[in-house]
Amino acid sequence: MIELIGIEPGTKLLIVGGITAEVVEAVNDEWVRVRLVEVPEGRGTAGAEELCHATDVLTNLSREAGEVEVRSTEGEGDREGS
């Protein structure tokens, strides 16, 4: 389960079934309305919107992309300061 408190519209999530979804609206701390972006065959329809519970979220793809970027920037700064 991924923490959904403070999640922003536009955030990309990987949810159960291998589906990539984009947050449309945070309903509360446990539920978000998502738009399905990439959907394996037989798992739904790309472009459809549905409610998604925090227990169905496998990872926050947007945060992972940001962490990679931040890590490489911080690593370079640490080497320069040494």
C-alpha atoms as a PDB file:
ATOM      1  CA  MET A   1       0.000   0.000   0.000  1.00  0.00           C
ATOM      2  CA  ILE A   2       1.234   3.489  -0.886  1.00  0.00           C
ATOM      3  CA  GLU A   3       0.506   6.564   1.235  1.00  0.00           C
ATOM      4  CA  LEU A   4      -1.974   8.786  -0.634  1.00  0.00           C
ATOM      5  CA  ILE A   5      -2.000  11.772   1.748  1.00  0.00           C
ATOM      6  CA  GLY A   6      -1.088  14.866  -0.259  1.00  0.00           C
ATOM      7  CA  ILE A   7      -0.979  13.084  -3.622  1.00  0.00           C
ATOM      8  CA  GLU A   8      -1.401  15.563  -6.483  1.00  0.00           C
ATOM      9  CA  PRO A   9      -3.447  15.312  -9.685  1.00  0.00           C
ATOM     10  CA  GLY A  10      -1.202  14.242 -12.540  1.00  0.00           C
ATOM     11  CA  THR A  11       0.783  11.787 -10.402  1.00  0.00           C
ATOM     12  CA  LYS A  12       1.365   8.505 -12.230  1.00  0.00           C
ATOM     13  CA  LEU A  13       0.780   5.282 -10.310  1.00  0.00           C
ATOM     14  CA  LEU A  14       1.315   1.598 -11.003  1.00  0.00           C
ATOM     15  CA  ILE A  15      -1.746  -0.251  -9.732  1.00  0.00           C
ATOM     16  CA  VAL A  16      -2.681  -3.916  -9.489  1.00  0.00           C
ATOM     17  CA  GLY A  17      -2.969  -5.698 -12.812  1.00  0.00           C
ATOM     18  CA  GLY A  18       0.080  -3.905 -14.238  1.00  0.00           C
ATOM     19  CA  ILE A  19      -1.999  -0.809 -15.022  1.00  0.00           C
ATOM     20  CA  THR A  20      -0.429   2.638 -15.219  1.00  0.00           C
ATOM     21  CA  ALA A  21      -2.884   5.273 -14.035  1.00  0.00           C
ATOM     22  CA  GLU A  22      -2.830   9.054 -13.594  1.00  0.00           C
ATOM     23  CA  VAL A  23      -4.421  10.684 -10.552  1.00  0.00           C
ATOM     24  CA  VAL A  24      -7.361  12.900 -11.515  1.00  0.00           C
ATOM     25  CA  GLU A  25      -8.534  13.735  -7.987  1.00  0.00           C
ATOM     26  CA  ALA A  26      -7.653  12.807  -4.424  1.00  0.00           C
ATOM     27  CA  VAL A  27     -10.996  11.877  -2.863  1.00  0.00           C
ATOM     28  CA  ASN A  28      -9.575  11.383   0.657  1.00  0.00           C
ATOM     29  CA  ASP A  29      -6.525   9.812   2.342  1.00  0.00           C
ATOM     30  CA  GLU A  30      -7.380   6.321   1.050  1.00  0.00           C
ATOM     31  CA  TRP A  31      -9.116   6.835  -2.311  1.00  0.00           C
ATOM     32  CA  VAL A  32      -8.144   8.552  -5.559  1.00  0.00           C
ATOM     33  CA  ARG A  33      -9.947   8.885  -8.868  1.00  0.00           C
ATOM     34  CA  VAL A  34      -7.583   7.806 -11.642  1.00  0.00           C
ATOM     35  CA  ARG A  35      -7.527   7.769 -15.436  1.00  0.00           C
ATOM     36  CA  LEU A  36      -6.143   4.540 -16.855  1.00  0.00           C
ATOM     37  CA  VAL A  37      -3.162   5.333 -19.092  1.00  0.00           C
ATOM     38  CA  GLU A  38      -1.526   2.011 -19.995  1.00  0.00           C
ATOM     39  CA  VAL A  39      -3.666  -1.085 -19.624  1.00  0.00           C
ATOM     40  CA  PRO A  40      -2.673  -4.698 -20.344  1.00  0.00           C
ATOM     41  CA  GLU A  41      -5.148  -6.437 -22.641  1.00  0.00           C
ATOM     42  CA  GLY A  42      -8.251  -7.603 -20.815  1.00  0.00           C
ATOM     43  CA  ARG A  43      -7.624  -5.427 -17.729  1.00  0.00           C
ATOM     44  CA  GLY A  44      -9.703  -2.368 -18.660  1.00  0.00           C
ATOM     45  CA  THR A  45      -9.844   0.460 -21.162  1.00  0.00           C
ATOM     46  CA  ALA A  46      -7.212   3.184 -21.532  1.00  0.00           C
ATOM     47  CA  GLY A  47      -8.786   6.567 -20.876  1.00  0.00           C
ATOM     48  CA  ALA A  48     -11.440   5.217 -18.509  1.00  0.00           C
ATOM     49  CA  GLU A  49     -11.703   6.739 -15.035  1.00  0.00           C
ATOM     50  CA  GLU A  50     -12.250   4.766 -11.857  1.00  0.00           C
ATOM     51  CA  LEU A  51     -11.783   4.904  -8.106  1.00  0.00           C
ATOM     52  CA  CYS A  52      -8.629   3.334  -6.738  1.00  0.00           C
ATOM     53  CA  HIS A  53      -7.972   2.413  -3.102  1.00  0.00           C
ATOM     54  CA  ALA A  54      -4.528   2.836  -1.510  1.00  0.00           C
ATOM     55  CA  THR A  55      -4.210  -0.959  -1.152  1.00  0.00           C
ATOM     56  CA  ASP A  56      -4.388  -1.283  -4.962  1.00  0.00           C
ATOM     57  CA  VAL A  57      -1.434   1.060  -5.536  1.00  0.00           C
ATOM     58  CA  LEU A  58       1.863  -0.758  -6.047  1.00  0.00           C
ATOM     59  CA  THR A  59       4.155   2.236  -6.567  1.00  0.00           C
ATOM     60  CA  ASN A  60       4.202   5.953  -7.240  1.00  0.00           C
ATOM     61  CA  LEU A  61       5.897   6.164 -10.646  1.00  0.00           C
ATOM     62  CA  SER A  62       6.174   9.962 -10.558  1.00  0.00           C
ATOM     63  CA  ARG A  63       8.017   9.929  -7.227  1.00  0.00           C
ATOM     64  CA  GLU A  64      10.404   7.226  -8.398  1.00  0.00           C
ATOM     65  CA  ALA A  65      11.319   9.295 -11.450  1.00  0.00           C
ATOM     66  CA  GLY A  66      11.946  12.312  -9.207  1.00  0.00           C
ATOM     67  CA  GLU A  67      14.049  10.313  -6.744  1.00  0.00           C
ATOM     68  CA  VAL A  68      16.391   9.176  -9.499  1.00  0.00           C
ATOM     69  CA  GLU A  69      16.865  12.770 -10.612  1.00  0.00           C
ATOM     70  CA  VAL A  70      17.438  14.041  -7.063  1.00  0.00           C
ATOM     71  CA  ARG A  71      19.901  11.276  -6.230  1.00  0.00           C
ATOM     72  CA  SER A  72      22.135  12.023  -9.200  1.00  0.00           C
ATOM     73  CA  THR A  73      22.111  15.778  -8.447  1.00  0.00           C
ATOM     74  CA  GLU A  74      22.889  15.295  -4.750  1.00  0.00           C
ATOM     75  CA  GLY A  75      25.639  12.817  -5.546  1.00  0.00           C
ATOM     76  CA  GLU A  76      27.399  15.334  -7.801  1.00  0.00           C
ATOM     77  CA  GLY A  77      27.149  18.056  -5.154  1.00  0.00           C
ATOM     78  CA  ASP A  78      28.580  15.757  -2.476  1.00  0.00           C
ATOM     79  CA  ARG A  79      31.626  14.957  -4.622  1.00  0.00           C
ATOM     80  CA  GLU A  80      32.298  18.626  -5.328  1.00  0.00           C
ATOM     81  CA  GLY A  81      32.138  19.503  -1.617  1.00  0.00           C
ATOM     82  CA  SER A  82      34.660  16.806  -0.649  1.00  0.00           C
END
